[in-house]
Structures are given as C-alpha cells and as structure tokens.
N, C-alpha and C. Protein backbone atom coordinates (compact mmCIF):
# COMPACT_ATOMS: atom_id res chain seq x y z
N MET A 1 0.84 -1.18 0.00
CA MET A 1 0.00 0.00 0.00
C MET A 1 0.88 1.24 0.00
N HIS A 2 1.20 1.74 -1.19
CA HIS A 2 2.08 2.90 -1.29
C HIS A 2 1.38 4.20 -0.90
N GLU A 3 0.07 4.14 -0.71
CA GLU A 3 -0.67 5.33 -0.28
C GLU A 3 -0.21 5.81 1.09
N LEU A 4 0.26 4.89 1.94
CA LEU A 4 0.78 5.28 3.26
C LEU A 4 2.02 6.14 3.09
N GLY A 5 2.90 5.78 2.18
CA GLY A 5 4.09 6.58 1.90
C GLY A 5 3.74 7.93 1.31
N ILE A 6 2.72 7.96 0.46
CA ILE A 6 2.27 9.22 -0.13
C ILE A 6 1.68 10.12 0.95
N ALA A 7 0.85 9.54 1.82
CA ALA A 7 0.26 10.32 2.92
C ALA A 7 1.36 10.90 3.81
N ASN A 8 2.37 10.12 4.07
CA ASN A 8 3.50 10.59 4.88
C ASN A 8 4.23 11.73 4.17
N SER A 9 4.39 11.63 2.87
CA SER A 9 5.04 12.70 2.09
C SER A 9 4.21 13.98 2.10
N VAL A 10 2.90 13.84 2.05
CA VAL A 10 2.02 15.01 2.12
C VAL A 10 2.20 15.70 3.47
N LEU A 11 2.21 14.92 4.53
CA LEU A 11 2.38 15.49 5.87
C LEU A 11 3.76 16.13 6.01
N THR A 12 4.77 15.55 5.42
CA THR A 12 6.11 16.15 5.44
C THR A 12 6.10 17.49 4.71
N ALA A 13 5.41 17.57 3.60
CA ALA A 13 5.30 18.83 2.86
C ALA A 13 4.59 19.89 3.69
N VAL A 14 3.55 19.48 4.41
CA VAL A 14 2.83 20.41 5.28
C VAL A 14 3.76 20.92 6.38
N ARG A 15 4.48 20.01 7.01
CA ARG A 15 5.42 20.42 8.07
C ARG A 15 6.46 21.40 7.55
N THR A 16 6.97 21.14 6.37
CA THR A 16 7.97 22.02 5.76
C THR A 16 7.40 23.41 5.53
N GLU A 17 6.20 23.47 4.99
CA GLU A 17 5.56 24.77 4.73
C GLU A 17 5.22 25.49 6.03
N MET A 18 4.86 24.75 7.05
CA MET A 18 4.50 25.36 8.33
C MET A 18 5.68 26.08 8.98
N ARG A 19 6.88 25.65 8.68
CA ARG A 19 8.08 26.34 9.21
C ARG A 19 8.16 27.77 8.69
N ARG A 20 7.57 28.02 7.54
CA ARG A 20 7.56 29.36 6.95
C ARG A 20 6.47 30.24 7.55
N HIS A 21 5.57 29.64 8.35
CA HIS A 21 4.43 30.37 8.93
C HIS A 21 4.32 30.05 10.42
N PRO A 22 5.30 30.49 11.21
CA PRO A 22 5.25 30.18 12.64
C PRO A 22 3.99 30.74 13.29
N GLY A 23 3.37 29.92 14.13
CA GLY A 23 2.16 30.34 14.82
C GLY A 23 0.89 30.07 14.06
N ALA A 24 0.97 29.77 12.78
CA ALA A 24 -0.23 29.48 11.99
C ALA A 24 -0.72 28.06 12.28
N ILE A 25 -1.99 27.84 12.02
CA ILE A 25 -2.59 26.53 12.23
C ILE A 25 -3.02 25.97 10.88
N PRO A 26 -2.53 24.79 10.53
CA PRO A 26 -2.95 24.20 9.25
C PRO A 26 -4.37 23.65 9.37
N LEU A 27 -5.22 24.01 8.42
CA LEU A 27 -6.61 23.56 8.45
C LEU A 27 -6.90 22.48 7.42
N LYS A 28 -6.39 22.69 6.21
CA LYS A 28 -6.70 21.76 5.13
C LYS A 28 -5.55 21.72 4.14
N VAL A 29 -5.26 20.52 3.66
CA VAL A 29 -4.26 20.35 2.61
C VAL A 29 -4.95 19.69 1.42
N GLY A 30 -4.75 20.29 0.25
CA GLY A 30 -5.34 19.77 -0.97
C GLY A 30 -4.31 18.99 -1.76
N VAL A 31 -4.70 17.83 -2.21
CA VAL A 31 -3.82 16.97 -3.01
C VAL A 31 -4.51 16.68 -4.33
N ARG A 32 -3.80 16.90 -5.43
CA ARG A 32 -4.33 16.63 -6.76
C ARG A 32 -3.80 15.26 -7.21
N VAL A 33 -4.73 14.35 -7.51
CA VAL A 33 -4.36 12.98 -7.90
C VAL A 33 -4.99 12.66 -9.25
N GLY A 34 -4.15 12.41 -10.23
CA GLY A 34 -4.63 12.03 -11.54
C GLY A 34 -5.02 10.56 -11.59
N GLU A 35 -5.97 10.26 -12.46
CA GLU A 35 -6.44 8.87 -12.54
C GLU A 35 -5.35 7.91 -13.02
N LEU A 36 -4.30 8.43 -13.66
CA LEU A 36 -3.20 7.57 -14.10
C LEU A 36 -2.08 7.45 -13.06
N ALA A 37 -2.23 8.12 -11.92
CA ALA A 37 -1.18 8.12 -10.90
C ALA A 37 -1.11 6.81 -10.14
N GLY A 38 -2.10 5.98 -10.27
CA GLY A 38 -2.08 4.68 -9.59
C GLY A 38 -2.30 4.80 -8.09
N VAL A 39 -3.06 5.82 -7.69
CA VAL A 39 -3.33 6.06 -6.27
C VAL A 39 -4.82 5.85 -6.01
N ASN A 40 -5.12 5.08 -5.00
CA ASN A 40 -6.50 4.88 -4.59
C ASN A 40 -6.86 5.99 -3.60
N PRO A 41 -7.75 6.92 -3.98
CA PRO A 41 -8.09 8.04 -3.10
C PRO A 41 -8.60 7.61 -1.72
N ASP A 42 -9.39 6.55 -1.65
CA ASP A 42 -9.89 6.08 -0.36
C ASP A 42 -8.75 5.57 0.52
N ALA A 43 -7.83 4.84 -0.08
CA ALA A 43 -6.67 4.34 0.68
C ALA A 43 -5.77 5.48 1.12
N LEU A 44 -5.64 6.50 0.28
CA LEU A 44 -4.84 7.67 0.65
C LEU A 44 -5.47 8.40 1.83
N GLU A 45 -6.76 8.59 1.79
CA GLU A 45 -7.45 9.27 2.90
C GLU A 45 -7.33 8.46 4.19
N PHE A 46 -7.53 7.15 4.10
CA PHE A 46 -7.41 6.28 5.27
C PHE A 46 -6.00 6.35 5.85
N SER A 47 -5.01 6.30 4.98
CA SER A 47 -3.62 6.36 5.42
C SER A 47 -3.31 7.69 6.10
N PHE A 48 -3.78 8.77 5.51
CA PHE A 48 -3.55 10.10 6.07
C PHE A 48 -4.18 10.21 7.46
N LEU A 49 -5.43 9.77 7.58
CA LEU A 49 -6.12 9.83 8.87
C LEU A 49 -5.42 8.96 9.91
N SER A 50 -4.88 7.83 9.48
CA SER A 50 -4.15 6.95 10.40
C SER A 50 -2.88 7.62 10.92
N ILE A 51 -2.19 8.32 10.06
CA ILE A 51 -0.94 8.98 10.44
C ILE A 51 -1.18 10.12 11.42
N ILE A 52 -2.24 10.90 11.20
CA ILE A 52 -2.44 12.09 12.04
C ILE A 52 -3.26 11.81 13.30
N SER A 53 -3.87 10.65 13.38
CA SER A 53 -4.69 10.31 14.54
C SER A 53 -3.86 10.34 15.82
N GLY A 54 -4.37 11.06 16.82
CA GLY A 54 -3.68 11.14 18.10
C GLY A 54 -2.49 12.08 18.12
N THR A 55 -2.34 12.90 17.08
CA THR A 55 -1.23 13.85 17.01
C THR A 55 -1.76 15.27 17.01
N PRO A 56 -0.88 16.26 17.15
CA PRO A 56 -1.34 17.65 17.05
C PRO A 56 -1.92 18.00 15.67
N TRP A 57 -1.68 17.17 14.67
CA TRP A 57 -2.17 17.39 13.31
C TRP A 57 -3.56 16.80 13.10
N GLU A 58 -4.17 16.28 14.15
CA GLU A 58 -5.42 15.53 14.04
C GLU A 58 -6.57 16.30 13.40
N ARG A 59 -6.58 17.62 13.51
CA ARG A 59 -7.66 18.42 12.93
C ARG A 59 -7.43 18.76 11.46
N LEU A 60 -6.27 18.44 10.94
CA LEU A 60 -5.94 18.75 9.55
C LEU A 60 -6.79 17.91 8.61
N LYS A 61 -7.48 18.57 7.70
CA LYS A 61 -8.34 17.89 6.72
C LYS A 61 -7.57 17.66 5.43
N LEU A 62 -7.86 16.56 4.78
CA LEU A 62 -7.27 16.22 3.49
C LEU A 62 -8.34 16.35 2.42
N ASP A 63 -8.07 17.18 1.42
CA ASP A 63 -8.98 17.37 0.28
C ASP A 63 -8.32 16.75 -0.94
N ILE A 64 -8.86 15.63 -1.39
CA ILE A 64 -8.31 14.94 -2.55
C ILE A 64 -9.09 15.35 -3.78
N GLN A 65 -8.38 15.97 -4.72
CA GLN A 65 -8.99 16.41 -5.98
C GLN A 65 -8.54 15.42 -7.06
N THR A 66 -9.49 14.69 -7.61
CA THR A 66 -9.12 13.75 -8.67
C THR A 66 -9.16 14.44 -10.02
N LYS A 67 -8.21 14.11 -10.82
CA LYS A 67 -8.04 14.73 -12.14
C LYS A 67 -8.18 13.65 -13.20
N THR A 68 -9.05 13.88 -14.17
CA THR A 68 -9.25 12.91 -15.24
C THR A 68 -8.11 13.00 -16.26
N ARG A 69 -7.99 11.94 -17.01
CA ARG A 69 -6.99 11.89 -18.08
C ARG A 69 -7.46 12.75 -19.24
N GLU A 70 -6.57 13.61 -19.72
CA GLU A 70 -6.86 14.46 -20.87
C GLU A 70 -5.75 14.33 -21.89
N HIS A 71 -6.14 14.41 -23.15
CA HIS A 71 -5.18 14.39 -24.26
C HIS A 71 -5.32 15.68 -25.07
N ARG A 72 -4.25 16.00 -25.79
CA ARG A 72 -4.28 17.13 -26.72
C ARG A 72 -3.98 16.58 -28.11
N CYS A 73 -4.76 17.04 -29.06
CA CYS A 73 -4.62 16.62 -30.44
C CYS A 73 -3.46 17.37 -31.10
N SER A 74 -2.58 16.63 -31.74
CA SER A 74 -1.45 17.25 -32.44
C SER A 74 -1.90 17.99 -33.71
N SER A 75 -3.03 17.60 -34.26
CA SER A 75 -3.52 18.23 -35.49
C SER A 75 -4.26 19.54 -35.23
N CYS A 76 -5.32 19.48 -34.42
CA CYS A 76 -6.16 20.68 -34.21
C CYS A 76 -5.93 21.36 -32.86
N ARG A 77 -5.07 20.77 -32.01
CA ARG A 77 -4.69 21.33 -30.69
C ARG A 77 -5.82 21.32 -29.68
N ALA A 78 -6.92 20.63 -29.96
CA ALA A 78 -8.02 20.52 -29.00
C ALA A 78 -7.59 19.65 -27.82
N THR A 79 -8.07 20.00 -26.64
CA THR A 79 -7.83 19.20 -25.44
C THR A 79 -9.15 18.56 -25.07
N PHE A 80 -9.11 17.26 -24.73
CA PHE A 80 -10.34 16.53 -24.47
C PHE A 80 -10.12 15.44 -23.43
N PRO A 81 -11.16 15.10 -22.68
CA PRO A 81 -11.04 14.01 -21.71
C PRO A 81 -11.04 12.66 -22.43
N VAL A 82 -10.25 11.74 -21.92
CA VAL A 82 -10.21 10.38 -22.47
C VAL A 82 -11.27 9.55 -21.74
N ILE A 83 -12.22 9.04 -22.50
CA ILE A 83 -13.30 8.24 -21.93
C ILE A 83 -13.24 6.86 -22.57
N ASP A 84 -13.28 5.84 -21.75
CA ASP A 84 -13.23 4.45 -22.23
C ASP A 84 -12.02 4.19 -23.13
N TYR A 85 -10.91 4.78 -22.81
CA TYR A 85 -9.63 4.58 -23.51
C TYR A 85 -9.65 5.06 -24.96
N ARG A 86 -10.61 5.89 -25.32
CA ARG A 86 -10.66 6.43 -26.68
C ARG A 86 -9.77 7.68 -26.72
N VAL A 87 -8.63 7.56 -27.40
CA VAL A 87 -7.66 8.65 -27.43
C VAL A 87 -7.67 9.43 -28.74
N ALA A 88 -8.51 9.04 -29.69
CA ALA A 88 -8.64 9.80 -30.94
C ALA A 88 -9.37 11.09 -30.64
N CYS A 89 -9.00 12.14 -31.33
CA CYS A 89 -9.61 13.46 -31.13
C CYS A 89 -11.09 13.42 -31.52
N PRO A 90 -11.97 13.83 -30.62
CA PRO A 90 -13.40 13.82 -30.94
C PRO A 90 -13.80 14.93 -31.92
N LEU A 91 -12.92 15.93 -32.12
CA LEU A 91 -13.25 17.02 -33.04
C LEU A 91 -12.83 16.72 -34.47
N CYS A 92 -11.57 16.28 -34.64
CA CYS A 92 -11.09 16.06 -36.01
C CYS A 92 -10.83 14.60 -36.35
N GLY A 93 -10.89 13.72 -35.34
CA GLY A 93 -10.71 12.29 -35.59
C GLY A 93 -9.27 11.82 -35.62
N SER A 94 -8.32 12.72 -35.48
CA SER A 94 -6.90 12.34 -35.52
C SER A 94 -6.55 11.42 -34.35
N SER A 95 -5.70 10.45 -34.64
CA SER A 95 -5.22 9.56 -33.57
C SER A 95 -3.87 10.03 -33.03
N GLN A 96 -3.40 11.14 -33.54
CA GLN A 96 -2.13 11.72 -33.08
C GLN A 96 -2.39 12.64 -31.89
N THR A 97 -2.51 12.04 -30.71
CA THR A 97 -2.78 12.80 -29.50
C THR A 97 -1.73 12.47 -28.46
N GLU A 98 -1.60 13.37 -27.49
CA GLU A 98 -0.66 13.13 -26.40
C GLU A 98 -1.33 13.43 -25.06
N CYS A 99 -0.92 12.69 -24.06
CA CYS A 99 -1.46 12.86 -22.72
C CYS A 99 -0.92 14.16 -22.12
N VAL A 100 -1.81 15.02 -21.64
CA VAL A 100 -1.39 16.29 -21.05
C VAL A 100 -1.87 16.43 -19.61
N SER A 101 -2.68 15.50 -19.14
CA SER A 101 -3.20 15.59 -17.78
C SER A 101 -3.72 14.23 -17.34
N GLY A 102 -3.65 14.01 -16.04
CA GLY A 102 -4.18 12.76 -15.50
C GLY A 102 -3.16 11.94 -14.76
N ASP A 103 -1.88 12.36 -14.83
CA ASP A 103 -0.84 11.62 -14.11
C ASP A 103 -0.32 12.42 -12.91
N GLU A 104 -1.04 13.48 -12.52
CA GLU A 104 -0.60 14.34 -11.43
C GLU A 104 -0.63 13.60 -10.09
N LEU A 105 0.29 13.98 -9.24
CA LEU A 105 0.29 13.59 -7.85
C LEU A 105 1.06 14.69 -7.13
N GLU A 106 0.31 15.67 -6.62
CA GLU A 106 0.96 16.85 -6.07
C GLU A 106 0.12 17.50 -4.98
N VAL A 107 0.82 18.20 -4.10
CA VAL A 107 0.12 19.02 -3.12
C VAL A 107 -0.34 20.27 -3.86
N ALA A 108 -1.64 20.52 -3.86
CA ALA A 108 -2.21 21.63 -4.61
C ALA A 108 -2.28 22.90 -3.79
N TYR A 109 -2.59 22.77 -2.51
CA TYR A 109 -2.70 23.95 -1.66
C TYR A 109 -2.65 23.56 -0.19
N LEU A 110 -2.39 24.55 0.64
CA LEU A 110 -2.43 24.39 2.09
C LEU A 110 -3.20 25.58 2.64
N GLU A 111 -4.27 25.29 3.34
CA GLU A 111 -5.11 26.34 3.93
C GLU A 111 -4.69 26.52 5.39
N LEU A 112 -4.35 27.76 5.75
CA LEU A 112 -3.86 28.06 7.10
C LEU A 112 -4.76 29.07 7.79
N GLU A 113 -4.69 29.03 9.10
CA GLU A 113 -5.32 30.07 9.91
C GLU A 113 -4.19 30.79 10.63
N GLU A 114 -4.01 32.06 10.26
CA GLU A 114 -2.95 32.85 10.88
C GLU A 114 -3.38 33.26 12.28
N SER A 115 -2.42 33.26 13.20
CA SER A 115 -2.76 33.66 14.57
C SER A 115 -2.40 35.11 14.83
C-alpha cells in the first residue's frame, strides 16, 4: 500500500511549509491525484487519517482532488477528456494525440489560519 508513503510525504510537505508560517494553524491540505497516478483516493485518505490520529495534526483535513486523463490533439490542438480509452480526437478524428493531464500527484494547496 504505497498510499501510506504518499500520505506521509504530504504530511512532510505540510510540516515544511508550516516552518515558513510560525504560529499558523494548518486547516486543510489539498492533493491533486490524476487517474493515471495509480493512487487509490480512499486508501490515501485512510492512510492520512491513520498517520495524524492522536497527534497535534489531528484536525488537519485532506482534500483529494481527482483529475481525469486528458489528451491534446497534435492536429487541431483541442484538449479533451479520455473516456473508455478512446484517445482519438473527438473534433477532427486524428489519432495523433498526447497525454497532457491525469498523471498528477501533487500538493495543490495548504489552507492556514494565521494567529
């Protein structure tokens, strides 16, 4: 279950950012997870809650934003969501497309309460 390692990395990123804001209270951390990232959002949330349980970070909320897979057409430059593994451009029919979104795994934001 690599989600435990990811949850730990998210918490490490929060701790690092909190050093830049002494006295602030972290309220929510947003994580962007693409459908191609191979991360189970439920397992990530469970892992995160397990790590912070019984700690001073216990009130920190995790907001998981899932990102769908998107491709861009090399011919007409249209960007479109990939549904049912259909990667041909729905506008011009070209099969020359490239993945431009959906493999993200990143901390998107940290919401703080300044004291």
